[in-house]
């Protein structure tokens, strides 16, 4: 007995349904495979983006580092400029103060001395009537207990006037009441570097038989004879050149 017509139709429908399901499963598998492929692409892209992001972050860090270095260099330059400006300001003030001062050298230390009174006596003996201690002198003091006395004038013009007039009539300590008879010299007040150069020039004067050494407006000069030209000494190289020319 063969299958019944109803059973054959049912079996045929079942096969069609399985084939349809199998086709859908195959399509679904293919879709899933496509999705996986896309996910792989997305993951690869994400990895590339992350790598690019890391590189970008490194570039940002490099830029930040360079900016920081530039800002640091700029700050150092600004600090250096400020420091140099302050130094120039201080040096200018020191130069101005030195330009108002002279140094008396040769007056012995005396306990209980009145330097202003002694300076007034020096002005009287040297006949420098145009200089008024009360009006023209800002300060006067001795450097420790040495024979060196600093006199600071209120005006540079008065200081220059005293400097030039006194050199025409240099006096000695006996005229101020001291037993010693030491000449009282005056010098300009120089910076530490100028002082060092002055003493080198002084040694050069002695060794090379130059007759004159002096300072004027805080500049150092040498002259070999009264007839020869004065030579300004600015640096050690000037002394070297002068020695080579002898």
Protein backbone atom coordinates (compact mmCIF):
# COMPACT_ATOMS: atom_id res chain seq x y z
CA UNK A 1 0.00 0.00 0.00
CA UNK A 2 1.54 3.32 -0.98
CA UNK A 3 1.37 6.54 0.97
CA UNK A 4 -1.80 8.32 1.11
CA UNK A 5 -2.27 11.50 -0.86
CA UNK A 6 -2.49 13.60 2.29
CA UNK A 7 0.68 12.12 3.71
CA UNK A 8 2.61 12.77 0.48
CA UNK A 9 1.51 16.36 0.41
CA UNK A 10 2.47 16.79 4.08
CA UNK A 11 5.89 15.25 3.55
CA UNK A 12 6.51 17.41 0.53
CA UNK A 13 5.51 20.51 2.46
CA UNK A 14 7.85 19.52 5.30
CA UNK A 15 10.76 19.19 2.86
CA UNK A 16 10.00 22.58 1.41
CA UNK A 17 9.91 24.04 4.90
CA UNK A 18 13.30 22.46 5.79
CA UNK A 19 14.77 23.69 2.55
CA UNK A 20 13.47 27.14 3.28
CA UNK A 21 14.87 27.03 6.80
CA UNK A 22 18.17 25.71 5.49
CA UNK A 23 18.30 28.53 2.96
CA UNK A 24 17.52 31.09 5.63
CA UNK A 25 20.16 29.57 7.92
CA UNK A 26 22.68 29.71 5.10
CA UNK A 27 21.76 33.33 4.45
CA UNK A 28 21.93 34.07 8.17
CA UNK A 29 25.38 32.46 8.40
CA UNK A 30 26.50 34.52 5.45
CA UNK A 31 25.08 37.66 7.08
CA UNK A 32 26.80 36.78 10.34
CA UNK A 33 30.05 36.22 8.45
CA UNK A 34 29.62 39.63 6.83
CA UNK A 35 28.95 41.15 10.22
CA UNK A 36 32.09 39.47 11.62
CA UNK A 37 34.05 40.78 8.67
CA UNK A 38 32.70 44.24 9.28
CA UNK A 39 33.48 43.91 12.98
CA UNK A 40 37.00 42.85 12.07
CA UNK A 41 37.27 45.91 9.84
CA UNK A 42 35.88 48.09 12.60
CA UNK A 43 38.32 46.59 15.10
CA UNK A 44 41.18 47.13 12.67
CA UNK A 45 40.04 50.69 12.10
CA UNK A 46 39.70 51.18 15.84
CA UNK A 47 43.22 49.85 16.33
CA UNK A 48 44.44 52.25 13.64
CA UNK A 49 42.54 55.10 15.27
CA UNK A 50 43.98 54.20 18.66
CA UNK A 51 47.49 54.06 17.15
CA UNK A 52 46.87 57.36 15.39
CA UNK A 53 45.54 58.78 18.64
CA UNK A 54 48.66 57.63 20.48
CA UNK A 55 50.86 59.18 17.80
CA UNK A 56 48.79 62.35 17.93
CA UNK A 57 49.08 62.38 21.71
CA UNK A 58 52.86 61.99 21.40
CA UNK A 59 52.93 64.88 18.94
CA UNK A 60 50.84 66.95 21.36
CA UNK A 61 53.26 66.07 24.17
CA UNK A 62 56.20 67.04 21.96
CA UNK A 63 54.54 70.35 21.14
CA UNK A 64 53.79 70.92 24.82
CA UNK A 65 57.41 70.12 25.67
CA UNK A 66 58.70 72.51 23.01
CA UNK A 67 56.27 75.21 24.14
CA UNK A 68 57.42 74.66 27.73
CA UNK A 69 61.06 74.92 26.63
CA UNK A 70 60.31 78.11 24.69
CA UNK A 71 58.43 79.60 27.65
CA UNK A 72 61.30 78.63 29.94
CA UNK A 73 63.83 80.17 27.55
CA UNK A 74 61.67 83.28 27.25
CA UNK A 75 61.42 83.54 31.04
CA UNK A 76 65.19 83.12 31.37
CA UNK A 77 65.76 85.81 28.73
CA UNK A 78 63.35 88.11 30.50
CA UNK A 79 65.02 87.39 33.84
CA UNK A 80 68.44 87.89 32.26
CA UNK A 81 67.30 91.16 30.69
CA UNK A 82 65.83 92.32 34.00
CA UNK A 83 69.01 91.28 35.79
CA UNK A 84 71.20 93.08 33.26
CA UNK A 85 69.01 96.18 33.47
CA UNK A 86 69.28 96.15 37.24
CA UNK A 87 73.06 95.72 37.01
CA UNK A 88 73.27 98.60 34.55
CA UNK A 89 71.10 100.72 36.85
CA UNK A 90 73.26 99.87 39.87
CA UNK A 91 76.48 100.48 37.91
CA UNK A 92 75.11 103.81 36.66
CA UNK A 93 74.27 104.85 40.23
CA UNK A 94 77.67 103.70 41.46
CA UNK A 95 79.37 105.57 38.63
CA UNK A 96 77.39 108.70 39.51
CA UNK A 97 78.32 108.39 43.19
CA UNK A 98 81.99 107.84 42.33
CA UNK A 99 81.85 110.90 40.07
CA UNK A 100 80.91 112.98 43.11
CA UNK A 101 83.67 111.65 45.37
CA UNK A 102 87.42 111.98 45.83
CA UNK A 103 89.89 110.11 47.99
CA UNK A 104 92.41 111.91 50.19
CA UNK A 105 95.45 109.74 50.78
CA UNK A 106 98.20 110.42 53.33
CA UNK A 107 96.43 111.86 56.37
CA UNK A 108 97.26 109.68 59.42
CA UNK A 109 94.50 108.28 61.61
CA UNK A 110 94.00 110.15 64.87
CA UNK A 111 91.78 108.97 67.70
CA UNK A 112 88.77 111.24 68.25
CA UNK A 113 89.40 113.08 64.96
CA UNK A 114 86.83 115.41 63.44
CA UNK A 115 87.15 114.78 59.71
CA UNK A 116 84.93 117.66 58.63
CA UNK A 117 86.93 120.08 60.74
CA UNK A 118 90.17 118.68 59.36
CA UNK A 119 88.89 118.99 55.79
CA UNK A 120 87.88 122.61 56.42
CA UNK A 121 91.44 123.27 57.60
CA UNK A 122 92.83 121.62 54.46
CA UNK A 123 90.66 123.89 52.30
CA UNK A 124 91.90 126.94 54.17
CA UNK A 125 95.59 125.97 53.95
CA UNK A 126 95.27 125.09 50.24
CA UNK A 127 93.39 128.38 49.70
CA UNK A 128 90.36 126.74 48.18
CA UNK A 129 87.91 129.39 49.33
CA UNK A 130 85.30 128.50 46.70
CA UNK A 131 84.60 125.19 48.43
CA UNK A 132 82.23 125.46 51.42
CA UNK A 133 82.22 122.28 53.55
CA UNK A 134 78.78 122.96 55.00
CA UNK A 135 77.20 123.65 51.63
CA UNK A 136 79.21 121.46 49.27
CA UNK A 137 80.08 118.28 51.21
CA UNK A 138 77.57 115.45 51.48
CA UNK A 139 79.67 113.03 53.55
CA UNK A 140 83.22 112.39 54.68
CA UNK A 141 84.62 109.28 56.33
CA UNK A 142 87.85 107.38 56.81
CA UNK A 143 88.35 103.88 55.42
CA UNK A 144 88.89 101.98 58.66
CA UNK A 145 92.08 103.36 60.26
CA UNK A 146 94.03 103.76 57.04
CA UNK A 147 95.37 107.08 55.69
CA UNK A 148 92.57 107.02 53.12
CA UNK A 149 89.63 109.42 53.55
CA UNK A 150 86.65 109.56 51.19
CA UNK A 151 84.97 112.90 50.58
CA UNK A 152 81.63 112.91 48.77
CA UNK A 153 80.47 116.20 47.29
CA UNK A 154 76.86 117.14 46.71
CA UNK A 155 77.57 118.30 43.15
CA UNK A 156 79.96 116.83 40.60
CA UNK A 157 80.98 120.33 39.48
CA UNK A 158 82.25 121.18 42.96
CA UNK A 159 84.09 117.92 43.17
CA UNK A 160 85.78 118.61 39.81
CA UNK A 161 86.63 122.14 40.94
CA UNK A 162 88.28 120.87 44.11
CA UNK A 163 90.06 118.12 42.20
CA UNK A 164 91.65 120.52 39.71
CA UNK A 165 92.47 123.32 42.14
CA UNK A 166 94.00 121.13 44.81
CA UNK A 167 96.35 119.47 42.33
CA UNK A 168 97.86 122.90 41.71
CA UNK A 169 98.61 123.36 45.38
CA UNK A 170 99.21 119.98 47.04
CA UNK A 171 99.96 120.34 50.74
CA UNK A 172 101.55 118.07 53.34
CA UNK A 173 100.32 116.83 56.71
CA UNK A 174 102.59 119.17 58.73
CA UNK A 175 100.41 122.08 57.60
CA UNK A 176 97.44 120.37 59.27
CA UNK A 177 99.23 120.06 62.62
CA UNK A 178 100.79 116.60 62.24
CA UNK A 179 104.43 115.97 63.13
CA UNK A 180 104.82 113.87 59.98
CA UNK A 181 105.43 115.69 56.75
CA UNK A 182 103.62 113.49 54.23
CA UNK A 183 102.18 114.85 51.04
CA UNK A 184 98.41 114.55 50.86
CA UNK A 185 97.40 113.19 47.49
CA UNK A 186 93.95 113.08 45.98
CA UNK A 187 92.61 110.39 43.72
CA UNK A 188 89.33 109.72 42.02
CA UNK A 189 87.20 106.94 43.46
CA UNK A 190 87.41 104.05 41.02
CA UNK A 191 85.53 100.79 40.69
CA UNK A 192 87.21 97.57 41.84
CA UNK A 193 88.18 96.70 38.25
CA UNK A 194 89.52 100.20 37.64
CA UNK A 195 91.51 100.08 40.88
CA UNK A 196 93.14 96.82 39.81
CA UNK A 197 94.00 98.32 36.43
CA UNK A 198 95.30 101.52 38.07
CA UNK A 199 97.75 99.59 40.24
CA UNK A 200 98.92 97.61 37.22
CA UNK A 201 99.45 100.92 35.40
CA UNK A 202 101.28 102.24 38.46
CA UNK A 203 103.62 99.26 38.37
CA UNK A 204 104.08 99.75 34.62
CA UNK A 205 104.95 103.42 35.23
CA UNK A 206 107.69 102.46 37.66
CA UNK A 207 109.14 99.63 35.57
CA UNK A 208 109.10 101.55 32.27
CA UNK A 209 110.26 104.91 33.66
CA UNK A 210 107.08 106.80 32.90
CA UNK A 211 106.88 110.04 34.86
CA UNK A 212 103.15 110.61 35.17
CA UNK A 213 100.05 108.61 36.01
CA UNK A 214 96.68 110.11 36.87
CA UNK A 215 92.95 109.69 36.57
CA UNK A 216 90.39 112.12 35.26
CA UNK A 217 86.66 111.50 35.01
CA UNK A 218 87.41 107.95 36.20
CA UNK A 219 89.76 107.33 33.28
CA UNK A 220 93.38 106.27 33.74
CA UNK A 221 96.20 108.03 31.90
CA UNK A 222 99.97 107.56 31.55
CA UNK A 223 102.55 110.00 30.19
CA UNK A 224 106.26 109.25 29.82
CA UNK A 225 107.56 112.83 29.73
CA UNK A 226 106.01 116.31 30.01
CA UNK A 227 106.32 116.64 26.22
CA UNK A 228 104.86 113.26 25.25
CA UNK A 229 101.19 112.53 24.60
CA UNK A 230 98.97 111.13 27.31
CA UNK A 231 97.87 107.53 26.78
CA UNK A 232 94.53 106.36 28.13
CA UNK A 233 94.60 102.94 29.75
CA UNK A 234 91.27 101.16 29.38
CA UNK A 235 92.33 97.52 29.67
CA UNK A 236 95.37 95.32 30.22
CA UNK A 237 95.80 95.13 26.44
CA UNK A 238 96.49 98.90 26.39
CA UNK A 239 99.41 98.32 28.76
CA UNK A 240 100.61 95.42 26.59
CA UNK A 241 100.45 97.55 23.44
CA UNK A 242 102.26 100.40 25.21
CA UNK A 243 105.00 98.04 26.37
CA UNK A 244 105.42 96.65 22.85
CA UNK A 245 105.85 100.16 21.48
CA UNK A 246 108.70 101.00 23.88
